């Protein structure tokens, strides 16, 4: 089973000429939903309040089959104001409370026995919760697949050197990193995308996936280090880009789990993936992201929806 640790919040979406709409969101929460919809058991550990916004999050997770070992607390649910441009791109403003005090027992069990853990975004950079996230994956490093998406938010962590320090702490324990080209260039402006990906491999990461918008994702592991593997983006009419990267991340994790890549042998199995394997994984993941951007909000596909588009 996959455990996702990170923020859950409500996206308050504003489009030109339309009234505001509130949708459950938060990058790690979106990943938990995406993996569950793709047919794998997923549990989510984060925080949200016992208020109207928290009820939206709780219902959304449960409706998608996500397991919730930690319930709502008495603090206000975090929010993100998502301003959608005429092109469908999203710009965010955040009101975040990120602590994991109520999750101590659940995280101790994850650190002891998890076979797959995903972390990322605000949850792995913003204190006081970020230190707890890092300590959890550090304890699980030798017996779990650790996946990571930095998904940087400069409006919350505006100093790239601070963000980079948090990223490097997580990289030390990660097996798989998925990151956007924009995030990588913001974090490491002195390097090319390829140089940063190779640097992560040299730091011990086994698979790096870089998303490049309309150019499609590119990946590299020990088998493909010299050239990497790329596939085109799945072409659709874009409704908006909310949740696209999270959907790709969820599909990437789901496909790795489909292949039995989890637990203590995850690193070895990732290193053994061939260029053909990576092409299949990227195609699966890019198609899931394409389905998501074709409809409003962070609404990742189910397994049946994805298989129908892939023709399987």
C-alpha atoms as a PDB file:
ATOM      1  CA  UNK A   1       0.000   0.000   0.000  1.00  0.00           C
ATOM      2  CA  UNK A   2       1.113   3.543  -0.772  1.00  0.00           C
ATOM      3  CA  UNK A   3       1.229   6.124   2.005  1.00  0.00           C
ATOM      4  CA  UNK A   4       1.085   9.767   0.927  1.00  0.00           C
ATOM      5  CA  UNK A   5       2.225  12.380   3.450  1.00  0.00           C
ATOM      6  CA  UNK A   6       1.546  16.041   2.760  1.00  0.00           C
ATOM      7  CA  UNK A   7      -0.877  18.919   2.599  1.00  0.00           C
ATOM      8  CA  UNK A   8      -4.582  18.848   1.874  1.00  0.00           C
ATOM      9  CA  UNK A   9      -6.331  22.116   1.177  1.00  0.00           C
ATOM     10  CA  UNK A  10      -9.233  23.639  -0.699  1.00  0.00           C
ATOM     11  CA  UNK A  11      -8.526  25.333  -4.035  1.00  0.00           C
ATOM     12  CA  UNK A  12     -10.728  28.401  -4.417  1.00  0.00           C
ATOM     13  CA  UNK A  13     -10.715  28.680  -8.194  1.00  0.00           C
ATOM     14  CA  UNK A  14     -11.412  31.969  -9.938  1.00  0.00           C
ATOM     15  CA  UNK A  15     -11.787  32.100 -13.725  1.00  0.00           C
ATOM     16  CA  UNK A  16     -12.261  35.225 -15.831  1.00  0.00           C
ATOM     17  CA  UNK A  17     -15.935  36.175 -15.920  1.00  0.00           C
ATOM     18  CA  UNK A  18     -17.063  33.301 -13.658  1.00  0.00           C
ATOM     19  CA  UNK A  19     -17.982  32.991  -9.952  1.00  0.00           C
ATOM     20  CA  UNK A  20     -15.508  31.344  -7.586  1.00  0.00           C
ATOM     21  CA  UNK A  21     -15.632  27.573  -7.097  1.00  0.00           C
ATOM     22  CA  UNK A  22     -14.099  25.580  -4.215  1.00  0.00           C
ATOM     23  CA  UNK A  23     -12.462  22.210  -4.924  1.00  0.00           C
ATOM     24  CA  UNK A  24     -10.418  19.904  -2.669  1.00  0.00           C
ATOM     25  CA  UNK A  25      -6.747  20.071  -3.592  1.00  0.00           C
ATOM     26  CA  UNK A  26      -3.150  20.031  -2.443  1.00  0.00           C
ATOM     27  CA  UNK A  27      -0.483  18.256  -4.464  1.00  0.00           C
ATOM     28  CA  UNK A  28       0.077  15.230  -2.172  1.00  0.00           C
ATOM     29  CA  UNK A  29      -3.654  14.775  -1.610  1.00  0.00           C
ATOM     30  CA  UNK A  30      -4.184  14.817  -5.389  1.00  0.00           C
ATOM     31  CA  UNK A  31      -1.560  12.090  -5.742  1.00  0.00           C
ATOM     32  CA  UNK A  32      -3.298   9.901  -3.152  1.00  0.00           C
ATOM     33  CA  UNK A  33      -6.591  10.293  -5.016  1.00  0.00           C
ATOM     34  CA  UNK A  34      -4.938   9.603  -8.365  1.00  0.00           C
ATOM     35  CA  UNK A  35      -3.219   6.412  -7.206  1.00  0.00           C
ATOM     36  CA  UNK A  36      -6.409   5.130  -5.576  1.00  0.00           C
ATOM     37  CA  UNK A  37      -8.446   5.787  -8.727  1.00  0.00           C
ATOM     38  CA  UNK A  38      -5.850   3.811 -10.674  1.00  0.00           C
ATOM     39  CA  UNK A  39      -6.568   0.749  -8.570  1.00  0.00           C
ATOM     40  CA  UNK A  40      -3.990   0.712  -5.771  1.00  0.00           C
ATOM     41  CA  UNK A  41      -4.595   0.971  -2.043  1.00  0.00           C
ATOM     42  CA  UNK A  42      -3.507   4.419  -0.876  1.00  0.00           C
ATOM     43  CA  UNK A  43      -3.671   6.094   2.505  1.00  0.00           C
ATOM     44  CA  UNK A  44      -3.288   9.807   3.107  1.00  0.00           C
ATOM     45  CA  UNK A  45      -1.708  11.421   6.172  1.00  0.00           C
ATOM     46  CA  UNK A  46      -2.024  15.199   6.366  1.00  0.00           C
ATOM     47  CA  UNK A  47      -4.194  17.673   8.185  1.00  0.00           C
ATOM     48  CA  UNK A  48      -7.446  19.533   7.637  1.00  0.00           C
ATOM     49  CA  UNK A  49     -10.006  21.079   9.938  1.00  0.00           C
ATOM     50  CA  UNK A  50     -13.465  20.052  11.085  1.00  0.00           C
ATOM     51  CA  UNK A  51     -15.043  22.877   9.070  1.00  0.00           C
ATOM     52  CA  UNK A  52     -16.932  23.119   5.782  1.00  0.00           C
ATOM     53  CA  UNK A  53     -13.733  23.049   3.714  1.00  0.00           C
ATOM     54  CA  UNK A  54     -12.439  20.100   5.723  1.00  0.00           C
ATOM     55  CA  UNK A  55     -15.662  18.221   5.062  1.00  0.00           C
ATOM     56  CA  UNK A  56     -15.122  18.725   1.317  1.00  0.00           C
ATOM     57  CA  UNK A  57     -11.635  17.219   1.610  1.00  0.00           C
ATOM     58  CA  UNK A  58     -12.783  14.311   3.760  1.00  0.00           C
ATOM     59  CA  UNK A  59     -15.608  13.425   1.363  1.00  0.00           C
ATOM     60  CA  UNK A  60     -13.395  13.768  -1.713  1.00  0.00           C
ATOM     61  CA  UNK A  61     -10.772  11.402  -0.291  1.00  0.00           C
ATOM     62  CA  UNK A  62     -13.297   8.835   0.890  1.00  0.00           C
ATOM     63  CA  UNK A  63     -15.251   8.957  -2.394  1.00  0.00           C
ATOM     64  CA  UNK A  64     -12.013   8.068  -4.209  1.00  0.00           C
ATOM     65  CA  UNK A  65     -11.319   5.163  -1.855  1.00  0.00           C
ATOM     66  CA  UNK A  66      -8.390   6.749  -0.016  1.00  0.00           C
ATOM     67  CA  UNK A  67      -7.759   5.404   3.513  1.00  0.00           C
ATOM     68  CA  UNK A  68      -7.590   8.046   6.268  1.00  0.00           C
ATOM     69  CA  UNK A  69      -5.734   6.930   9.410  1.00  0.00           C
ATOM     70  CA  UNK A  70      -5.816  10.507  10.774  1.00  0.00           C
ATOM     71  CA  UNK A  71      -9.024  12.561  10.802  1.00  0.00           C
ATOM     72  CA  UNK A  72      -9.872  16.255  11.021  1.00  0.00           C
ATOM     73  CA  UNK A  73      -8.540  18.513  13.784  1.00  0.00           C
ATOM     74  CA  UNK A  74      -9.900  21.737  15.291  1.00  0.00           C
ATOM     75  CA  UNK A  75      -7.754  24.157  13.256  1.00  0.00           C
ATOM     76  CA  UNK A  76      -8.865  25.953  10.102  1.00  0.00           C
ATOM     77  CA  UNK A  77      -8.520  24.043   6.846  1.00  0.00           C
ATOM     78  CA  UNK A  78      -5.774  25.410   4.586  1.00  0.00           C
ATOM     79  CA  UNK A  79      -6.759  27.117   1.327  1.00  0.00           C
ATOM     80  CA  UNK A  80      -5.207  28.070  -2.010  1.00  0.00           C
ATOM     81  CA  UNK A  81      -6.617  30.815  -4.191  1.00  0.00           C
ATOM     82  CA  UNK A  82      -6.149  29.569  -7.767  1.00  0.00           C
ATOM     83  CA  UNK A  83      -6.445  32.338 -10.344  1.00  0.00           C
ATOM     84  CA  UNK A  84      -6.949  30.810 -13.797  1.00  0.00           C
ATOM     85  CA  UNK A  85      -5.779  32.852 -16.788  1.00  0.00           C
ATOM     86  CA  UNK A  86      -7.353  32.964 -20.234  1.00  0.00           C
ATOM     87  CA  UNK A  87      -4.899  30.240 -21.335  1.00  0.00           C
ATOM     88  CA  UNK A  88      -5.898  27.878 -18.498  1.00  0.00           C
ATOM     89  CA  UNK A  89      -2.690  28.338 -16.491  1.00  0.00           C
ATOM     90  CA  UNK A  90      -3.086  28.591 -12.696  1.00  0.00           C
ATOM     91  CA  UNK A  91      -1.454  31.086 -10.301  1.00  0.00           C
ATOM     92  CA  UNK A  92      -1.788  30.356  -6.548  1.00  0.00           C
ATOM     93  CA  UNK A  93      -2.026  32.316  -3.287  1.00  0.00           C
ATOM     94  CA  UNK A  94      -1.886  30.183  -0.107  1.00  0.00           C
ATOM     95  CA  UNK A  95      -3.204  30.278   3.472  1.00  0.00           C
ATOM     96  CA  UNK A  96      -1.491  27.230   5.006  1.00  0.00           C
ATOM     97  CA  UNK A  97      -1.288  25.637   8.455  1.00  0.00           C
ATOM     98  CA  UNK A  98       1.109  22.691   8.229  1.00  0.00           C
ATOM     99  CA  UNK A  99       1.735  20.607  11.322  1.00  0.00           C
ATOM    100  CA  UNK A 100       1.569  16.851  11.924  1.00  0.00           C
ATOM    101  CA  UNK A 101       1.204  16.675  15.700  1.00  0.00           C
ATOM    102  CA  UNK A 102      -2.003  14.622  15.507  1.00  0.00           C
ATOM    103  CA  UNK A 103      -0.391  12.125  13.121  1.00  0.00           C
ATOM    104  CA  UNK A 104       2.516  11.018  15.324  1.00  0.00           C
ATOM    105  CA  UNK A 105       1.272   7.474  15.924  1.00  0.00           C
ATOM    106  CA  UNK A 106       0.305   6.895  12.306  1.00  0.00           C
ATOM    107  CA  UNK A 107       3.652   8.212  11.053  1.00  0.00           C
ATOM    108  CA  UNK A 108       5.554   5.999  13.485  1.00  0.00           C
ATOM    109  CA  UNK A 109       3.826   2.975  11.940  1.00  0.00           C
ATOM    110  CA  UNK A 110       4.604   4.227   8.428  1.00  0.00           C
ATOM    111  CA  UNK A 111       8.273   4.699   9.340  1.00  0.00           C
ATOM    112  CA  UNK A 112       8.356   1.141  10.679  1.00  0.00           C
ATOM    113  CA  UNK A 113       6.448  -0.823   8.057  1.00  0.00           C
ATOM    114  CA  UNK A 114       5.523   1.104   4.874  1.00  0.00           C
ATOM    115  CA  UNK A 115       6.395  -0.420   1.504  1.00  0.00           C
ATOM    116  CA  UNK A 116       5.841   2.777  -0.530  1.00  0.00           C
ATOM    117  CA  UNK A 117       5.740   6.443   0.518  1.00  0.00           C
ATOM    118  CA  UNK A 118       5.130   9.597  -1.500  1.00  0.00           C
ATOM    119  CA  UNK A 119       5.991  13.093  -0.237  1.00  0.00           C
ATOM    120  CA  UNK A 120       6.302  16.503  -1.791  1.00  0.00           C
ATOM    121  CA  UNK A 121       5.370  20.108  -2.320  1.00  0.00           C
ATOM    122  CA  UNK A 122       4.531  22.329   0.662  1.00  0.00           C
ATOM    123  CA  UNK A 123       4.448  19.345   3.025  1.00  0.00           C
ATOM    124  CA  UNK A 124       8.145  18.641   2.494  1.00  0.00           C
ATOM    125  CA  UNK A 125       9.318  22.290   2.735  1.00  0.00           C
ATOM    126  CA  UNK A 126       7.175  24.156   5.265  1.00  0.00           C
ATOM    127  CA  UNK A 127       7.825  23.854   8.984  1.00  0.00           C
ATOM    128  CA  UNK A 128       6.894  22.518  11.444  1.00  0.00           C
ATOM    129  CA  UNK A 129       5.623  19.560   9.409  1.00  0.00           C
ATOM    130  CA  UNK A 130       8.496  19.328   6.921  1.00  0.00           C
ATOM    131  CA  UNK A 131      10.999  18.069   9.507  1.00  0.00           C
ATOM    132  CA  UNK A 132       8.547  15.347  10.503  1.00  0.00           C
ATOM    133  CA  UNK A 133       8.172  14.308   6.855  1.00  0.00           C
ATOM    134  CA  UNK A 134      11.932  14.070   6.380  1.00  0.00           C
ATOM    135  CA  UNK A 135      12.414  12.059   9.584  1.00  0.00           C
ATOM    136  CA  UNK A 136       9.682   9.630   8.500  1.00  0.00           C
ATOM    137  CA  UNK A 137      11.190   8.871   5.108  1.00  0.00           C
ATOM    138  CA  UNK A 138      14.661   8.675   6.651  1.00  0.00           C
ATOM    139  CA  UNK A 139      13.418   5.912   8.956  1.00  0.00           C
ATOM    140  CA  UNK A 140      11.698   4.099   6.043  1.00  0.00           C
ATOM    141  CA  UNK A 141      14.569   4.517   3.573  1.00  0.00           C
ATOM    142  CA  UNK A 142      15.797   0.911   3.666  1.00  0.00           C
ATOM    143  CA  UNK A 143      12.448  -0.851   3.354  1.00  0.00           C
ATOM    144  CA  UNK A 144      10.183   1.365   1.220  1.00  0.00           C
ATOM    145  CA  UNK A 145       9.923   2.906  -2.233  1.00  0.00           C
ATOM    146  CA  UNK A 146      10.259   6.666  -1.636  1.00  0.00           C
ATOM    147  CA  UNK A 147       8.849   8.955  -4.330  1.00  0.00           C
ATOM    148  CA  UNK A 148       9.111  12.750  -4.331  1.00  0.00           C
ATOM    149  CA  UNK A 149       7.786  15.750  -6.246  1.00  0.00           C
ATOM    150  CA  UNK A 150       9.298  19.077  -5.077  1.00  0.00           C
ATOM    151  CA  UNK A 151       6.413  21.013  -6.695  1.00  0.00           C
ATOM    152  CA  UNK A 152       7.898  24.298  -5.475  1.00  0.00           C
ATOM    153  CA  UNK A 153       5.690  27.159  -4.325  1.00  0.00           C
ATOM    154  CA  UNK A 154       7.728  30.401  -4.380  1.00  0.00           C
ATOM    155  CA  UNK A 155       4.804  32.317  -2.885  1.00  0.00           C
ATOM    156  CA  UNK A 156       5.313  30.228   0.286  1.00  0.00           C
ATOM    157  CA  UNK A 157       9.077  29.527   0.142  1.00  0.00           C
ATOM    158  CA  UNK A 158      10.329  32.527  -1.903  1.00  0.00           C
ATOM    159  CA  UNK A 159      14.051  31.938  -1.295  1.00  0.00           C
ATOM    160  CA  UNK A 160      15.272  29.295  -3.725  1.00  0.00           C
ATOM    161  CA  UNK A 161      18.293  28.527  -1.532  1.00  0.00           C
ATOM    162  CA  UNK A 162      15.963  27.615   1.365  1.00  0.00           C
ATOM    163  CA  UNK A 163      13.821  25.481  -0.936  1.00  0.00           C
ATOM    164  CA  UNK A 164      16.930  23.845  -2.379  1.00  0.00           C
ATOM    165  CA  UNK A 165      18.141  22.879   1.090  1.00  0.00           C
ATOM    166  CA  UNK A 166      14.819  21.124   1.784  1.00  0.00           C
ATOM    167  CA  UNK A 167      14.899  19.411  -1.598  1.00  0.00           C
ATOM    168  CA  UNK A 168      18.405  18.116  -0.981  1.00  0.00           C
ATOM    169  CA  UNK A 169      17.332  16.692   2.406  1.00  0.00           C
ATOM    170  CA  UNK A 170      14.576  14.680   0.724  1.00  0.00           C
ATOM    171  CA  UNK A 171      16.726  13.702  -2.270  1.00  0.00           C
ATOM    172  CA  UNK A 172      19.088  11.923   0.123  1.00  0.00           C
ATOM    173  CA  UNK A 173      16.329   9.360   0.772  1.00  0.00           C
ATOM    174  CA  UNK A 174      14.324   9.353  -2.481  1.00  0.00           C
ATOM    175  CA  UNK A 175      14.249   6.533  -5.036  1.00  0.00           C
ATOM    176  CA  UNK A 176      12.106   8.389  -7.604  1.00  0.00           C
ATOM    177  CA  UNK A 177      11.857  12.117  -8.272  1.00  0.00           C
ATOM    178  CA  UNK A 178       9.363  13.734 -10.614  1.00  0.00           C
ATOM    179  CA  UNK A 179       9.910  17.461 -11.099  1.00  0.00           C
ATOM    180  CA  UNK A 180       8.844  20.114 -13.586  1.00  0.00           C
ATOM    181  CA  UNK A 181      11.392  21.876 -15.745  1.00  0.00           C
ATOM    182  CA  UNK A 182      10.364  25.192 -14.137  1.00  0.00           C
ATOM    183  CA  UNK A 183      11.010  23.872 -10.614  1.00  0.00           C
ATOM    184  CA  UNK A 184      14.403  22.405 -11.505  1.00  0.00           C
ATOM    185  CA  UNK A 185      15.605  25.586 -13.195  1.00  0.00           C
ATOM    186  CA  UNK A 186      14.396  27.691 -10.239  1.00  0.00           C
ATOM    187  CA  UNK A 187      16.153  25.410  -7.750  1.00  0.00           C
ATOM    188  CA  UNK A 188      19.373  24.938  -9.746  1.00  0.00           C
ATOM    189  CA  UNK A 189      19.725  27.897 -12.160  1.00  0.00           C
ATOM    190  CA  UNK A 190      23.415  27.176 -12.722  1.00  0.00           C
ATOM    191  CA  UNK A 191      22.691  23.745 -14.283  1.00  0.00           C
ATOM    192  CA  UNK A 192      20.799  22.390 -17.271  1.00  0.00           C
ATOM    193  CA  UNK A 193      17.857  20.064 -16.716  1.00  0.00           C
ATOM    194  CA  UNK A 194      19.978  17.116 -17.764  1.00  0.00           C
ATOM    195  CA  UNK A 195      22.808  18.082 -15.422  1.00  0.00           C
ATOM    196  CA  UNK A 196      20.402  18.347 -12.490  1.00  0.00           C
ATOM    197  CA  UNK A 197      18.852  14.973 -13.292  1.00  0.00           C
ATOM    198  CA  UNK A 198      22.269  13.305 -13.420  1.00  0.00           C
ATOM    199  CA  UNK A 199      23.267  15.039 -10.181  1.00  0.00           C
ATOM    200  CA  UNK A 200      20.216  13.483  -8.511  1.00  0.00           C
ATOM    201  CA  UNK A 201      21.212  10.067  -9.863  1.00  0.00           C
ATOM    202  CA  UNK A 202      24.691  10.574  -8.445  1.00  0.00           C
ATOM    203  CA  UNK A 203      23.116  11.464  -5.073  1.00  0.00           C
ATOM    204  CA  UNK A 204      21.446   8.045  -4.988  1.00  0.00           C
ATOM    205  CA  UNK A 205      18.113   8.577  -6.747  1.00  0.00           C
ATOM    206  CA  UNK A 206      17.274   5.691  -9.082  1.00  0.00           C
ATOM    207  CA  UNK A 207      14.777   7.317 -11.468  1.00  0.00           C
ATOM    208  CA  UNK A 208      14.293  10.971 -12.391  1.00  0.00           C
ATOM    209  CA  UNK A 209      11.309  12.154 -14.446  1.00  0.00           C
ATOM    210  CA  UNK A 210      11.222  15.730 -15.739  1.00  0.00           C
ATOM    211  CA  UNK A 211       7.947  17.200 -16.983  1.00  0.00           C
ATOM    212  CA  UNK A 212       8.296  19.762 -19.768  1.00  0.00           C
ATOM    213  CA  UNK A 213       4.768  20.961 -20.517  1.00  0.00           C
ATOM    214  CA  UNK A 214       3.829  20.577 -24.174  1.00  0.00           C
ATOM    215  CA  UNK A 215       7.169  18.882 -24.899  1.00  0.00           C
ATOM    216  CA  UNK A 216       6.171  15.881 -22.772  1.00  0.00           C
ATOM    217  CA  UNK A 217       8.082  14.112 -19.987  1.00  0.00           C
ATOM    218  CA  UNK A 218      11.699  12.949 -20.088  1.00  0.00           C
ATOM    219  CA  UNK A 219      13.235  10.323 -17.784  1.00  0.00           C
ATOM    220  CA  UNK A 220      16.635   8.927 -16.901  1.00  0.00           C
ATOM    221  CA  UNK A 221      17.921   6.060 -14.791  1.00  0.00           C
ATOM    222  CA  UNK A 222      21.163   4.080 -14.658  1.00  0.00           C
ATOM    223  CA  UNK A 223      20.244   2.164 -17.845  1.00  0.00           C
ATOM    224  CA  UNK A 224      19.551   5.321 -19.859  1.00  0.00           C
ATOM    225  CA  UNK A 225      21.935   7.777 -18.260  1.00  0.00           C
ATOM    226  CA  UNK A 226      23.646   8.860 -21.481  1.00  0.00           C
ATOM    227  CA  UNK A 227      20.533   9.990 -23.385  1.00  0.00           C
ATOM    228  CA  UNK A 228      17.412   9.460 -21.296  1.00  0.00           C
ATOM    229  CA  UNK A 229      13.971   8.635 -22.665  1.00  0.00           C
ATOM    230  CA  UNK A 230      11.273  11.071 -23.792  1.00  0.00           C
ATOM    231  CA  UNK A 231       7.655  10.751 -24.946  1.00  0.00           C
ATOM    232  CA  UNK A 232       5.328  13.426 -26.358  1.00  0.00           C
ATOM    233  CA  UNK A 233       2.625  15.042 -24.287  1.00  0.00           C
ATOM    234  CA  UNK A 234      -0.872  13.612 -24.690  1.00  0.00           C
ATOM    235  CA  UNK A 235      -2.641  16.174 -26.882  1.00  0.00           C
ATOM    236  CA  UNK A 236      -6.043  17.409 -25.724  1.00  0.00           C
ATOM    237  CA  UNK A 237      -8.082  20.592 -25.601  1.00  0.00           C
ATOM    238  CA  UNK A 238      -6.980  22.179 -22.322  1.00  0.00           C
ATOM    239  CA  UNK A 239      -9.625  23.115 -19.754  1.00  0.00           C
ATOM    240  CA  UNK A 240      -6.986  24.088 -17.187  1.00  0.00           C
ATOM    241  CA  UNK A 241      -3.658  22.797 -15.904  1.00  0.00           C
ATOM    242  CA  UNK A 242      -4.739  22.326 -12.262  1.00  0.00           C
ATOM    243  CA  UNK A 243      -3.502  18.953 -11.011  1.00  0.00           C
ATOM    244  CA  UNK A 244      -1.743  17.934 -14.228  1.00  0.00           C
ATOM    245  CA  UNK A 245       1.615  17.263 -12.596  1.00  0.00           C
ATOM    246  CA  UNK A 246      -0.035  15.490  -9.680  1.00  0.00           C
ATOM    247  CA  UNK A 247      -1.939  13.237 -12.061  1.00  0.00           C
ATOM    248  CA  UNK A 248       1.276  12.375 -13.884  1.00  0.00           C
ATOM    249  CA  UNK A 249       2.966  11.661 -10.547  1.00  0.00           C
ATOM    250  CA  UNK A 250       0.086   9.419  -9.450  1.00  0.00           C
ATOM    251  CA  UNK A 251       0.159   7.475 -12.704  1.00  0.00           C
ATOM    252  CA  UNK A 252       3.939   7.130 -12.483  1.00  0.00           C
ATOM    253  CA  UNK A 253       3.644   5.640  -8.982  1.00  0.00           C
ATOM    254  CA  UNK A 254       0.732   3.406 -10.004  1.00  0.00           C
ATOM    255  CA  UNK A 255       2.677   2.007 -12.949  1.00  0.00           C
ATOM    256  CA  UNK A 256       5.692   1.294 -10.764  1.00  0.00           C
ATOM    257  CA  UNK A 257       3.414  -0.506  -8.301  1.00  0.00           C
ATOM    258  CA  UNK A 258       1.872  -2.408 -11.228  1.00  0.00           C
ATOM    259  CA  UNK A 259       5.396  -3.701 -11.894  1.00  0.00           C
ATOM    260  CA  UNK A 260       5.943  -4.738  -8.264  1.00  0.00           C
ATOM    261  CA  UNK A 261       8.412  -1.921  -7.621  1.00  0.00           C
ATOM    262  CA  UNK A 262       8.084  -1.241  -3.893  1.00  0.00           C
ATOM    263  CA  UNK A 263       9.608  -2.379  -0.620  1.00  0.00           C
ATOM    264  CA  UNK A 264      13.255  -3.120   0.052  1.00  0.00           C
ATOM    265  CA  UNK A 265      13.997  -4.190  -3.550  1.00  0.00           C
ATOM    266  CA  UNK A 266      12.647  -0.995  -5.131  1.00  0.00           C
ATOM    267  CA  UNK A 267      16.042   0.556  -5.886  1.00  0.00           C
ATOM    268  CA  UNK A 268      17.348  -2.561  -7.618  1.00  0.00           C
ATOM    269  CA  UNK A 269      14.212  -2.879  -9.735  1.00  0.00           C
ATOM    270  CA  UNK A 270      14.305   0.785 -10.726  1.00  0.00           C
ATOM    271  CA  UNK A 271      17.903   0.454 -11.867  1.00  0.00           C
ATOM    272  CA  UNK A 272      16.891  -2.507 -14.042  1.00  0.00           C
ATOM    273  CA  UNK A 273      14.241  -0.582 -16.011  1.00  0.00           C
ATOM    274  CA  UNK A 274      15.111  -0.450 -19.709  1.00  0.00           C
ATOM    275  CA  UNK A 275      14.482   2.342 -22.204  1.00  0.00           C
ATOM    276  CA  UNK A 276      11.454   0.392 -23.427  1.00  0.00           C
ATOM    277  CA  UNK A 277      10.137   0.126 -19.850  1.00  0.00           C
ATOM    278  CA  UNK A 278      10.563   3.855 -19.318  1.00  0.00           C
ATOM    279  CA  UNK A 279       8.776   4.627 -22.591  1.00  0.00           C
ATOM    280  CA  UNK A 280       5.789   2.582 -21.433  1.00  0.00           C
ATOM    281  CA  UNK A 281       5.804   4.208 -17.984  1.00  0.00           C
ATOM    282  CA  UNK A 282       6.038   7.737 -19.394  1.00  0.00           C
ATOM    283  CA  UNK A 283       3.287   7.117 -21.947  1.00  0.00           C
ATOM    284  CA  UNK A 284       0.987   5.794 -19.229  1.00  0.00           C
ATOM    285  CA  UNK A 285       1.773   8.804 -17.018  1.00  0.00           C
ATOM    286  CA  UNK A 286       1.556  11.482 -19.735  1.00  0.00           C
ATOM    287  CA  UNK A 287      -1.799  10.148 -20.888  1.00  0.00           C
ATOM    288  CA  UNK A 288      -3.189  10.381 -17.351  1.00  0.00           C
ATOM    289  CA  UNK A 289      -2.009  13.997 -17.149  1.00  0.00           C
ATOM    290  CA  UNK A 290      -3.593  14.745 -20.511  1.00  0.00           C
ATOM    291  CA  UNK A 291      -6.961  13.436 -19.355  1.00  0.00           C
ATOM    292  CA  UNK A 292      -6.728  15.635 -16.272  1.00  0.00           C
ATOM    293  CA  UNK A 293      -6.021  18.863 -18.174  1.00  0.00           C
ATOM    294  CA  UNK A 294      -8.929  18.134 -20.515  1.00  0.00           C
ATOM    295  CA  UNK A 295     -11.370  18.717 -17.645  1.00  0.00           C
ATOM    296  CA  UNK A 296     -11.720  21.357 -14.956  1.00  0.00           C
ATOM    297  CA  UNK A 297      -9.848  21.089 -11.663  1.00  0.00           C
ATOM    298  CA  UNK A 298      -7.640  18.365 -10.205  1.00  0.00           C
ATOM    299  CA  UNK A 299      -9.728  15.443 -11.443  1.00  0.00           C
ATOM    300  CA  UNK A 300      -7.403  12.514 -12.248  1.00  0.00           C
ATOM    301  CA  UNK A 301      -8.670   9.558 -14.284  1.00  0.00           C
ATOM    302  CA  UNK A 302      -9.801   6.160 -13.086  1.00  0.00           C
ATOM    303  CA  UNK A 303      -8.043   3.044 -14.336  1.00  0.00           C
ATOM    304  CA  UNK A 304     -10.870   2.310 -16.781  1.00  0.00           C
ATOM    305  CA  UNK A 305     -10.786   5.859 -18.192  1.00  0.00           C
ATOM    306  CA  UNK A 306      -7.043   5.686 -18.688  1.00  0.00           C
ATOM    307  CA  UNK A 307      -7.117   2.238 -20.269  1.00  0.00           C
ATOM    308  CA  UNK A 308      -9.844   3.342 -22.669  1.00  0.00           C
ATOM    309  CA  UNK A 309      -7.715   6.243 -23.917  1.00  0.00           C
ATOM    310  CA  UNK A 310      -4.626   4.015 -24.154  1.00  0.00           C
ATOM    311  CA  UNK A 311      -6.648   1.494 -26.152  1.00  0.00           C
ATOM    312  CA  UNK A 312      -6.160  -1.370 -23.690  1.00  0.00           C
END
